[in-house]
């Protein structure tokens, strides 16, 4: 059975919103290697609707010959959990419009590598609550933002997690991997 593995950039105070405005000063070779390893372990990408819209507006316009991430993201099968997206324009995209719990359980049963999730904070929080997320990697940045959308918002409930891997990058970023306890 495949795993659904989410990886998020997160501030010390739990903000995941708009990492493009605060994340880049901490991006180095260590983080590149960690992100590349996560992408290598997956052969499919799972996205929520908002993250899909952001990615679909950006990545297809990037030169795949110059940017290996663009080549990977454009080629990989993408699954979008959405009740409103009907005609995805990004190549290799399938909309999971039915019962998301049932669709994701079915997708996990399809042979292959892991299913990676990037961004898609509302989807990640929902999967945590529903017991569908198998692994959560948080790249905790040493910055306090004070405001913004948080992964662990009120109402998420009590979800025991077990730390399975950790590393500290030279920038102070913590690379923490959790599974359900």
N, C-alpha and C. Protein backbone atom coordinates (compact mmCIF):
# COMPACT_ATOMS: atom_id res chain seq x y z
N UNK A 1 0.84 -1.18 0.00
CA UNK A 1 0.00 0.00 0.00
C UNK A 1 0.89 1.25 0.00
N UNK A 2 0.55 2.19 -0.86
CA UNK A 2 1.29 3.45 -0.92
C UNK A 2 1.00 4.32 0.30
N UNK A 3 1.96 5.20 0.59
CA UNK A 3 1.77 6.17 1.66
C UNK A 3 1.48 7.54 1.06
N UNK A 4 0.70 8.32 1.78
CA UNK A 4 0.54 9.74 1.46
C UNK A 4 1.44 10.49 2.42
N UNK A 5 2.39 11.24 1.84
CA UNK A 5 3.40 11.94 2.61
C UNK A 5 3.35 13.42 2.28
N UNK A 6 3.10 14.23 3.30
CA UNK A 6 3.04 15.68 3.12
C UNK A 6 4.34 16.30 3.61
N UNK A 7 4.78 17.34 2.91
CA UNK A 7 5.96 18.09 3.30
C UNK A 7 5.62 19.57 3.22
N UNK A 8 5.84 20.27 4.34
CA UNK A 8 5.47 21.68 4.41
C UNK A 8 6.60 22.53 4.96
N UNK A 9 6.73 23.74 4.41
CA UNK A 9 7.55 24.77 5.02
C UNK A 9 6.69 25.41 6.09
N UNK A 10 7.24 25.59 7.29
CA UNK A 10 6.45 26.13 8.39
C UNK A 10 7.35 27.02 9.25
N UNK A 11 6.79 28.10 9.75
CA UNK A 11 7.56 28.99 10.62
C UNK A 11 7.54 28.43 12.04
N UNK A 12 8.36 28.99 12.89
CA UNK A 12 8.44 28.53 14.28
C UNK A 12 7.10 28.68 15.00
N UNK A 13 6.30 29.68 14.60
CA UNK A 13 4.99 29.87 15.22
C UNK A 13 3.86 29.20 14.43
N UNK A 14 4.22 28.27 13.53
CA UNK A 14 3.22 27.43 12.88
C UNK A 14 2.61 27.95 11.61
N UNK A 15 3.10 29.07 11.07
CA UNK A 15 2.54 29.64 9.85
C UNK A 15 3.06 28.87 8.63
N UNK A 16 2.15 28.52 7.75
CA UNK A 16 2.51 27.84 6.50
C UNK A 16 2.19 28.70 5.28
N UNK A 17 1.47 29.76 5.49
CA UNK A 17 0.99 30.62 4.40
C UNK A 17 2.14 31.38 3.73
N UNK A 18 2.09 31.47 2.42
CA UNK A 18 2.98 32.29 1.60
C UNK A 18 4.46 32.08 1.90
N UNK A 19 4.95 30.84 1.87
CA UNK A 19 6.37 30.64 2.18
C UNK A 19 7.30 31.37 1.20
N UNK A 20 6.80 31.69 0.02
CA UNK A 20 7.64 32.41 -0.94
C UNK A 20 8.05 33.79 -0.42
N UNK A 21 7.39 34.27 0.63
CA UNK A 21 7.73 35.59 1.19
C UNK A 21 8.71 35.50 2.36
N UNK A 22 8.98 34.30 2.90
CA UNK A 22 9.87 34.18 4.06
C UNK A 22 10.83 33.00 4.02
N UNK A 23 10.63 32.07 3.14
CA UNK A 23 11.38 30.82 3.10
C UNK A 23 12.77 30.93 2.46
N UNK A 24 12.91 31.73 1.41
CA UNK A 24 14.12 31.69 0.59
C UNK A 24 15.43 32.02 1.30
N UNK A 25 15.48 32.89 2.31
CA UNK A 25 16.76 33.10 2.99
C UNK A 25 17.32 31.83 3.65
N UNK A 26 16.49 30.82 3.86
CA UNK A 26 16.90 29.59 4.52
C UNK A 26 17.17 28.44 3.53
N UNK A 27 16.95 28.69 2.26
CA UNK A 27 17.12 27.66 1.24
C UNK A 27 18.60 27.48 0.94
N UNK A 28 19.09 26.26 1.15
CA UNK A 28 20.49 25.96 0.87
C UNK A 28 20.59 24.54 0.30
N UNK A 29 21.81 24.05 0.12
CA UNK A 29 22.00 22.72 -0.45
C UNK A 29 21.37 21.62 0.40
N UNK A 30 21.43 21.76 1.72
CA UNK A 30 20.84 20.76 2.60
C UNK A 30 19.34 20.65 2.35
N UNK A 31 18.68 21.80 2.25
CA UNK A 31 17.24 21.79 2.03
C UNK A 31 16.91 21.28 0.63
N UNK A 32 17.71 21.71 -0.36
CA UNK A 32 17.51 21.20 -1.72
C UNK A 32 17.58 19.68 -1.73
N UNK A 33 18.57 19.12 -1.05
CA UNK A 33 18.72 17.66 -1.01
C UNK A 33 17.54 16.99 -0.32
N UNK A 34 17.07 17.58 0.77
CA UNK A 34 15.93 17.00 1.49
C UNK A 34 14.66 17.02 0.64
N UNK A 35 14.42 18.15 -0.03
CA UNK A 35 13.23 18.27 -0.88
C UNK A 35 13.34 17.32 -2.07
N UNK A 36 14.54 17.23 -2.66
CA UNK A 36 14.75 16.32 -3.80
C UNK A 36 14.51 14.87 -3.39
N UNK A 37 14.97 14.49 -2.20
CA UNK A 37 14.76 13.12 -1.71
C UNK A 37 13.27 12.83 -1.52
N UNK A 38 12.52 13.82 -1.02
CA UNK A 38 11.09 13.64 -0.85
C UNK A 38 10.40 13.47 -2.21
N UNK A 39 10.82 14.27 -3.18
CA UNK A 39 10.22 14.17 -4.51
C UNK A 39 10.59 12.84 -5.17
N UNK A 40 11.80 12.37 -4.93
CA UNK A 40 12.27 11.10 -5.51
C UNK A 40 11.48 9.91 -4.97
N UNK A 41 11.04 10.00 -3.72
CA UNK A 41 10.32 8.90 -3.08
C UNK A 41 8.87 8.79 -3.56
N UNK A 42 8.39 9.79 -4.28
CA UNK A 42 7.00 9.81 -4.74
C UNK A 42 6.94 9.72 -6.26
N UNK A 43 5.85 9.14 -6.73
CA UNK A 43 5.62 9.11 -8.19
C UNK A 43 4.28 9.73 -8.55
N UNK A 44 3.68 10.43 -7.58
CA UNK A 44 2.43 11.15 -7.81
C UNK A 44 2.39 12.32 -6.84
N UNK A 45 1.65 13.35 -7.24
CA UNK A 45 1.52 14.56 -6.45
C UNK A 45 0.04 14.79 -6.14
N UNK A 46 -0.26 15.01 -4.87
CA UNK A 46 -1.63 15.27 -4.43
C UNK A 46 -1.70 16.72 -3.99
N UNK A 47 -2.70 17.44 -4.49
CA UNK A 47 -2.83 18.87 -4.21
C UNK A 47 -4.27 19.22 -3.86
N UNK A 48 -4.41 20.25 -3.05
CA UNK A 48 -5.70 20.88 -2.85
C UNK A 48 -5.91 21.87 -3.99
N UNK A 49 -7.13 22.38 -4.08
CA UNK A 49 -7.48 23.25 -5.20
C UNK A 49 -6.65 24.53 -5.26
N UNK A 50 -6.48 25.22 -4.14
CA UNK A 50 -5.73 26.49 -4.17
C UNK A 50 -4.28 26.27 -4.57
N UNK A 51 -3.64 25.27 -4.00
CA UNK A 51 -2.24 24.99 -4.36
C UNK A 51 -2.15 24.58 -5.82
N UNK A 52 -3.11 23.78 -6.28
CA UNK A 52 -3.13 23.41 -7.70
C UNK A 52 -3.17 24.66 -8.58
N UNK A 53 -4.04 25.59 -8.27
CA UNK A 53 -4.16 26.81 -9.08
C UNK A 53 -2.85 27.59 -9.12
N UNK A 54 -2.18 27.70 -7.98
CA UNK A 54 -0.91 28.41 -7.92
C UNK A 54 0.15 27.68 -8.75
N UNK A 55 0.26 26.38 -8.54
CA UNK A 55 1.27 25.59 -9.26
C UNK A 55 0.99 25.55 -10.76
N UNK A 56 -0.28 25.36 -11.14
CA UNK A 56 -0.65 25.25 -12.55
C UNK A 56 -0.41 26.56 -13.29
N UNK A 57 -0.45 27.67 -12.59
CA UNK A 57 -0.17 28.96 -13.22
C UNK A 57 1.33 29.20 -13.38
N UNK A 58 2.14 28.49 -12.61
CA UNK A 58 3.58 28.74 -12.62
C UNK A 58 4.40 27.67 -13.37
N UNK A 59 4.30 26.41 -12.93
CA UNK A 59 5.22 25.38 -13.39
C UNK A 59 5.15 25.06 -14.88
N UNK A 60 4.01 25.04 -15.53
CA UNK A 60 4.01 24.75 -16.97
C UNK A 60 4.76 25.79 -17.80
N UNK A 61 4.94 27.00 -17.26
CA UNK A 61 5.64 28.05 -18.00
C UNK A 61 7.15 28.02 -17.76
N UNK A 62 7.63 27.14 -16.88
CA UNK A 62 9.06 27.07 -16.59
C UNK A 62 9.74 26.15 -17.60
N UNK A 63 10.99 26.45 -17.90
CA UNK A 63 11.78 25.68 -18.86
C UNK A 63 12.27 24.40 -18.19
N UNK A 64 11.69 23.28 -18.56
CA UNK A 64 12.04 22.00 -17.96
C UNK A 64 13.49 21.63 -18.22
N UNK A 65 14.08 22.10 -19.32
CA UNK A 65 15.48 21.81 -19.61
C UNK A 65 16.41 22.51 -18.63
N UNK A 66 15.98 23.64 -18.09
CA UNK A 66 16.80 24.41 -17.16
C UNK A 66 16.45 24.18 -15.70
N UNK A 67 15.25 23.69 -15.45
CA UNK A 67 14.80 23.53 -14.07
C UNK A 67 14.29 22.10 -13.86
N UNK A 68 15.10 21.24 -13.21
CA UNK A 68 14.69 19.85 -12.99
C UNK A 68 13.39 19.72 -12.22
N UNK A 69 13.12 20.67 -11.30
CA UNK A 69 11.87 20.61 -10.56
C UNK A 69 10.68 20.81 -11.48
N UNK A 70 10.81 21.72 -12.44
CA UNK A 70 9.73 21.94 -13.41
C UNK A 70 9.51 20.68 -14.23
N UNK A 71 10.59 20.05 -14.65
CA UNK A 71 10.46 18.82 -15.43
C UNK A 71 9.71 17.76 -14.63
N UNK A 72 10.07 17.60 -13.37
CA UNK A 72 9.44 16.59 -12.52
C UNK A 72 7.97 16.92 -12.28
N UNK A 73 7.70 18.15 -11.85
CA UNK A 73 6.32 18.52 -11.52
C UNK A 73 5.39 18.49 -12.73
N UNK A 74 5.90 18.85 -13.89
CA UNK A 74 5.07 18.82 -15.09
C UNK A 74 4.78 17.40 -15.56
N UNK A 75 5.72 16.48 -15.34
CA UNK A 75 5.57 15.12 -15.86
C UNK A 75 4.81 14.20 -14.92
N UNK A 76 4.92 14.41 -13.63
CA UNK A 76 4.35 13.49 -12.65
C UNK A 76 2.81 13.52 -12.70
N UNK A 77 2.16 12.38 -12.45
CA UNK A 77 0.71 12.40 -12.33
C UNK A 77 0.30 13.25 -11.12
N UNK A 78 -0.68 14.11 -11.33
CA UNK A 78 -1.16 15.00 -10.28
C UNK A 78 -2.63 14.69 -10.00
N UNK A 79 -2.97 14.69 -8.71
CA UNK A 79 -4.34 14.46 -8.28
C UNK A 79 -4.77 15.67 -7.46
N UNK A 80 -5.93 16.21 -7.78
CA UNK A 80 -6.43 17.40 -7.10
C UNK A 80 -7.75 17.06 -6.42
N UNK A 81 -7.81 17.31 -5.12
CA UNK A 81 -9.05 17.12 -4.38
C UNK A 81 -9.84 18.41 -4.53
N UNK A 82 -10.96 18.33 -5.25
CA UNK A 82 -11.75 19.53 -5.51
C UNK A 82 -13.15 19.15 -5.95
N UNK A 83 -14.11 19.94 -5.49
CA UNK A 83 -15.49 19.77 -5.96
C UNK A 83 -15.83 20.83 -7.01
N UNK A 84 -14.91 21.76 -7.25
CA UNK A 84 -15.20 22.86 -8.18
C UNK A 84 -14.36 22.83 -9.45
N UNK A 85 -13.21 22.19 -9.43
CA UNK A 85 -12.35 22.11 -10.62
C UNK A 85 -12.92 21.05 -11.55
N UNK A 86 -13.25 21.45 -12.77
CA UNK A 86 -13.83 20.50 -13.72
C UNK A 86 -12.95 20.24 -14.93
N UNK A 87 -12.16 21.21 -15.32
CA UNK A 87 -11.32 21.07 -16.52
C UNK A 87 -9.89 21.50 -16.22
N UNK A 88 -9.10 20.61 -15.60
CA UNK A 88 -7.73 20.99 -15.28
C UNK A 88 -6.91 21.20 -16.55
N UNK A 89 -6.08 22.22 -16.54
CA UNK A 89 -5.28 22.55 -17.72
C UNK A 89 -3.85 22.05 -17.64
N UNK A 90 -3.38 21.72 -16.46
CA UNK A 90 -2.01 21.25 -16.28
C UNK A 90 -1.94 19.78 -16.66
N UNK A 91 -1.00 19.46 -17.53
CA UNK A 91 -0.88 18.09 -18.03
C UNK A 91 -0.80 17.07 -16.90
N UNK A 92 -1.30 15.89 -17.15
CA UNK A 92 -1.27 14.75 -16.23
C UNK A 92 -2.02 15.01 -14.92
N UNK A 93 -3.10 15.79 -14.99
CA UNK A 93 -3.87 16.10 -13.79
C UNK A 93 -5.21 15.37 -13.82
N UNK A 94 -5.55 14.76 -12.69
CA UNK A 94 -6.82 14.10 -12.49
C UNK A 94 -7.50 14.75 -11.29
N UNK A 95 -8.77 15.08 -11.44
CA UNK A 95 -9.53 15.68 -10.35
C UNK A 95 -10.22 14.56 -9.57
N UNK A 96 -10.03 14.58 -8.25
CA UNK A 96 -10.72 13.64 -7.36
C UNK A 96 -11.94 14.38 -6.81
N UNK A 97 -13.06 14.27 -7.52
CA UNK A 97 -14.24 15.08 -7.22
C UNK A 97 -15.27 14.34 -6.37
N UNK A 98 -15.11 13.06 -6.21
CA UNK A 98 -16.08 12.31 -5.42
C UNK A 98 -15.79 12.42 -3.93
N UNK A 99 -16.18 11.42 -3.18
CA UNK A 99 -15.91 11.35 -1.75
C UNK A 99 -14.39 11.30 -1.55
N UNK A 100 -13.77 12.36 -0.98
CA UNK A 100 -12.32 12.40 -0.91
C UNK A 100 -11.72 11.27 -0.08
N UNK A 101 -12.38 10.86 0.98
CA UNK A 101 -11.86 9.77 1.80
C UNK A 101 -11.78 8.49 0.97
N UNK A 102 -12.85 8.20 0.27
CA UNK A 102 -12.90 7.01 -0.58
C UNK A 102 -11.88 7.09 -1.72
N UNK A 103 -11.80 8.26 -2.37
CA UNK A 103 -10.87 8.45 -3.50
C UNK A 103 -9.42 8.28 -3.06
N UNK A 104 -9.06 8.85 -1.91
CA UNK A 104 -7.68 8.77 -1.44
C UNK A 104 -7.34 7.35 -0.98
N UNK A 105 -8.29 6.67 -0.36
CA UNK A 105 -8.08 5.28 0.04
C UNK A 105 -7.85 4.42 -1.20
N UNK A 106 -8.64 4.66 -2.25
CA UNK A 106 -8.47 3.93 -3.51
C UNK A 106 -7.11 4.22 -4.12
N UNK A 107 -6.71 5.49 -4.12
CA UNK A 107 -5.44 5.90 -4.71
C UNK A 107 -4.26 5.26 -3.98
N UNK A 108 -4.37 5.10 -2.67
CA UNK A 108 -3.30 4.46 -1.89
C UNK A 108 -3.15 2.99 -2.26
N UNK A 109 -4.22 2.38 -2.77
CA UNK A 109 -4.18 0.96 -3.14
C UNK A 109 -3.59 0.72 -4.53
N UNK A 110 -3.40 1.79 -5.31
CA UNK A 110 -2.82 1.66 -6.65
C UNK A 110 -1.32 1.43 -6.49
N UNK A 111 -0.74 0.42 -7.17
CA UNK A 111 0.70 0.17 -7.03
C UNK A 111 1.53 1.40 -7.44
N UNK A 112 2.64 1.57 -6.77
CA UNK A 112 3.56 2.66 -7.09
C UNK A 112 4.32 3.12 -5.88
N UNK A 113 5.07 4.20 -6.08
CA UNK A 113 5.80 4.83 -4.98
C UNK A 113 4.81 5.62 -4.13
N UNK A 114 5.33 6.39 -3.22
CA UNK A 114 4.49 7.21 -2.36
C UNK A 114 3.79 8.31 -3.15
N UNK A 115 2.78 8.90 -2.52
CA UNK A 115 2.05 10.05 -3.06
C UNK A 115 2.49 11.26 -2.24
N UNK A 116 3.10 12.24 -2.88
CA UNK A 116 3.60 13.41 -2.19
C UNK A 116 2.58 14.53 -2.17
N UNK A 117 2.58 15.29 -1.09
CA UNK A 117 1.71 16.45 -0.95
C UNK A 117 2.60 17.64 -0.63
N UNK A 118 2.43 18.71 -1.40
CA UNK A 118 3.16 19.94 -1.16
C UNK A 118 2.14 21.05 -0.96
N UNK A 119 2.41 21.92 0.03
CA UNK A 119 1.43 22.98 0.30
C UNK A 119 0.11 22.33 0.70
N UNK A 120 -0.99 22.87 0.18
CA UNK A 120 -2.30 22.24 0.38
C UNK A 120 -2.62 22.06 1.86
N UNK A 121 -2.43 23.12 2.63
CA UNK A 121 -2.53 23.06 4.09
C UNK A 121 -3.90 22.59 4.56
N UNK A 122 -4.98 23.07 3.97
CA UNK A 122 -6.31 22.64 4.38
C UNK A 122 -6.49 21.14 4.13
N UNK A 123 -5.99 20.67 3.00
CA UNK A 123 -6.07 19.24 2.68
C UNK A 123 -5.24 18.43 3.66
N UNK A 124 -4.03 18.89 3.98
CA UNK A 124 -3.17 18.17 4.93
C UNK A 124 -3.84 18.09 6.30
N UNK A 125 -4.39 19.19 6.77
CA UNK A 125 -5.07 19.19 8.08
C UNK A 125 -6.26 18.22 8.06
N UNK A 126 -7.02 18.23 6.98
CA UNK A 126 -8.16 17.32 6.87
C UNK A 126 -7.69 15.86 6.87
N UNK A 127 -6.63 15.56 6.11
CA UNK A 127 -6.11 14.18 6.07
C UNK A 127 -5.58 13.75 7.43
N UNK A 128 -4.96 14.67 8.17
CA UNK A 128 -4.53 14.35 9.53
C UNK A 128 -5.72 13.94 10.39
N UNK A 129 -6.78 14.75 10.34
CA UNK A 129 -7.99 14.46 11.14
C UNK A 129 -8.61 13.13 10.74
N UNK A 130 -8.61 12.84 9.44
CA UNK A 130 -9.27 11.63 8.91
C UNK A 130 -8.41 10.38 9.00
N UNK A 131 -7.15 10.53 9.41
CA UNK A 131 -6.27 9.37 9.50
C UNK A 131 -5.74 8.90 8.15
N UNK A 132 -5.79 9.74 7.13
CA UNK A 132 -5.34 9.37 5.79
C UNK A 132 -3.88 9.73 5.53
N UNK A 133 -3.33 10.65 6.31
CA UNK A 133 -1.95 11.08 6.09
C UNK A 133 -1.03 10.12 6.84
N UNK A 134 -0.10 9.51 6.10
CA UNK A 134 0.79 8.51 6.69
C UNK A 134 2.05 9.12 7.29
N UNK A 135 2.49 10.22 6.71
CA UNK A 135 3.73 10.84 7.17
C UNK A 135 3.66 12.34 6.94
N UNK A 136 4.19 13.10 7.89
CA UNK A 136 4.20 14.56 7.80
C UNK A 136 5.62 15.05 8.04
N UNK A 137 6.20 15.70 7.04
CA UNK A 137 7.52 16.30 7.18
C UNK A 137 7.35 17.80 7.27
N UNK A 138 7.88 18.35 8.35
CA UNK A 138 7.83 19.79 8.57
C UNK A 138 9.24 20.34 8.50
N UNK A 139 9.45 21.30 7.62
CA UNK A 139 10.71 22.02 7.55
C UNK A 139 10.49 23.31 8.33
N UNK A 140 10.84 23.26 9.63
CA UNK A 140 10.55 24.34 10.56
C UNK A 140 11.64 25.40 10.45
N UNK A 141 11.23 26.58 9.99
CA UNK A 141 12.16 27.70 9.78
C UNK A 141 12.28 28.53 11.06
N UNK A 142 13.49 28.99 11.38
CA UNK A 142 13.69 29.76 12.61
C UNK A 142 13.26 31.22 12.45
N UNK A 143 11.98 31.39 12.24
CA UNK A 143 11.41 32.73 12.08
C UNK A 143 10.02 32.73 12.68
N UNK A 144 9.68 33.80 13.36
CA UNK A 144 8.34 33.99 13.90
C UNK A 144 7.65 35.03 13.03
N UNK A 145 6.54 34.66 12.43
CA UNK A 145 5.83 35.56 11.51
C UNK A 145 4.71 36.34 12.19
N UNK A 146 4.15 35.79 13.24
CA UNK A 146 3.13 36.52 13.99
C UNK A 146 1.73 36.48 13.41
N UNK A 147 1.61 36.19 12.14
CA UNK A 147 0.28 36.14 11.51
C UNK A 147 0.37 35.28 10.26
N UNK A 148 -0.76 34.72 9.89
CA UNK A 148 -0.84 33.91 8.68
C UNK A 148 -1.54 32.59 8.97
N UNK A 149 -1.87 31.89 7.91
CA UNK A 149 -2.57 30.62 8.02
C UNK A 149 -1.65 29.58 8.65
N UNK A 150 -2.21 28.87 9.61
CA UNK A 150 -1.45 27.86 10.35
C UNK A 150 -1.99 26.47 10.04
N UNK A 151 -1.10 25.49 10.05
CA UNK A 151 -1.51 24.10 9.86
C UNK A 151 -2.35 23.62 11.03
N UNK A 152 -1.90 23.91 12.23
CA UNK A 152 -2.56 23.41 13.42
C UNK A 152 -3.47 24.49 14.00
N UNK A 153 -4.58 24.70 13.33
CA UNK A 153 -5.55 25.71 13.75
C UNK A 153 -6.53 25.10 14.75
N UNK A 154 -7.28 25.97 15.39
CA UNK A 154 -8.31 25.49 16.32
C UNK A 154 -9.25 24.54 15.59
N UNK A 155 -9.66 23.51 16.31
CA UNK A 155 -10.61 22.57 15.75
C UNK A 155 -9.98 21.37 15.09
N UNK A 156 -8.65 21.32 14.98
CA UNK A 156 -8.01 20.18 14.32
C UNK A 156 -8.14 18.93 15.17
N UNK A 157 -8.26 19.11 16.48
CA UNK A 157 -8.45 17.96 17.36
C UNK A 157 -7.13 17.46 17.92
N UNK A 158 -7.23 16.37 18.65
CA UNK A 158 -6.08 15.74 19.29
C UNK A 158 -5.56 14.66 18.35
N UNK A 159 -4.36 14.85 17.83
CA UNK A 159 -3.78 13.90 16.89
C UNK A 159 -2.37 13.54 17.37
N UNK A 160 -2.23 12.41 18.07
CA UNK A 160 -0.91 12.01 18.55
C UNK A 160 0.01 11.65 17.38
N UNK A 161 1.23 12.20 17.43
CA UNK A 161 2.22 11.94 16.39
C UNK A 161 3.50 11.42 17.03
N UNK A 162 4.27 10.67 16.26
CA UNK A 162 5.56 10.16 16.73
C UNK A 162 6.65 10.67 15.79
N UNK A 163 7.68 11.28 16.36
CA UNK A 163 8.82 11.75 15.58
C UNK A 163 9.63 10.55 15.13
N UNK A 164 9.81 10.42 13.80
CA UNK A 164 10.54 9.26 13.28
C UNK A 164 11.91 9.63 12.71
N UNK A 165 12.10 10.89 12.34
CA UNK A 165 13.40 11.36 11.83
C UNK A 165 13.53 12.84 12.14
N UNK A 166 14.78 13.26 12.34
CA UNK A 166 15.02 14.68 12.53
C UNK A 166 16.43 15.03 12.09
N UNK A 167 16.57 16.25 11.64
CA UNK A 167 17.88 16.79 11.26
C UNK A 167 17.83 18.29 11.42
N UNK A 168 18.97 18.87 11.70
CA UNK A 168 19.07 20.32 11.78
C UNK A 168 20.01 20.79 10.67
N UNK A 169 19.53 21.71 9.86
CA UNK A 169 20.35 22.27 8.79
C UNK A 169 21.20 23.41 9.33
N UNK A 170 22.25 23.75 8.61
CA UNK A 170 23.16 24.82 9.05
C UNK A 170 22.46 26.17 9.15
N UNK A 171 21.33 26.35 8.48
CA UNK A 171 20.56 27.60 8.54
C UNK A 171 19.68 27.68 9.79
N UNK A 172 19.62 26.58 10.56
CA UNK A 172 18.75 26.53 11.72
C UNK A 172 17.40 25.90 11.43
N UNK A 173 17.13 25.55 10.18
CA UNK A 173 15.89 24.88 9.81
C UNK A 173 15.92 23.45 10.39
N UNK A 174 14.81 23.07 11.00
CA UNK A 174 14.66 21.70 11.50
C UNK A 174 13.87 20.89 10.48
N UNK A 175 14.36 19.72 10.14
CA UNK A 175 13.68 18.82 9.22
C UNK A 175 13.11 17.69 10.08
N UNK A 176 11.81 17.76 10.36
CA UNK A 176 11.15 16.84 11.29
C UNK A 176 10.14 15.98 10.55
N UNK A 177 10.20 14.67 10.75
CA UNK A 177 9.26 13.75 10.12
C UNK A 177 8.47 13.02 11.19
N UNK A 178 7.15 13.05 11.04
CA UNK A 178 6.24 12.44 11.99
C UNK A 178 5.34 11.43 11.30
N UNK A 179 4.95 10.41 12.07
CA UNK A 179 3.90 9.47 11.68
C UNK A 179 2.87 9.48 12.81
N UNK A 180 1.70 8.94 12.54
CA UNK A 180 0.69 8.83 13.61
C UNK A 180 1.24 7.93 14.71
N UNK A 181 1.02 8.33 15.95
CA UNK A 181 1.48 7.52 17.11
C UNK A 181 0.48 6.40 17.36
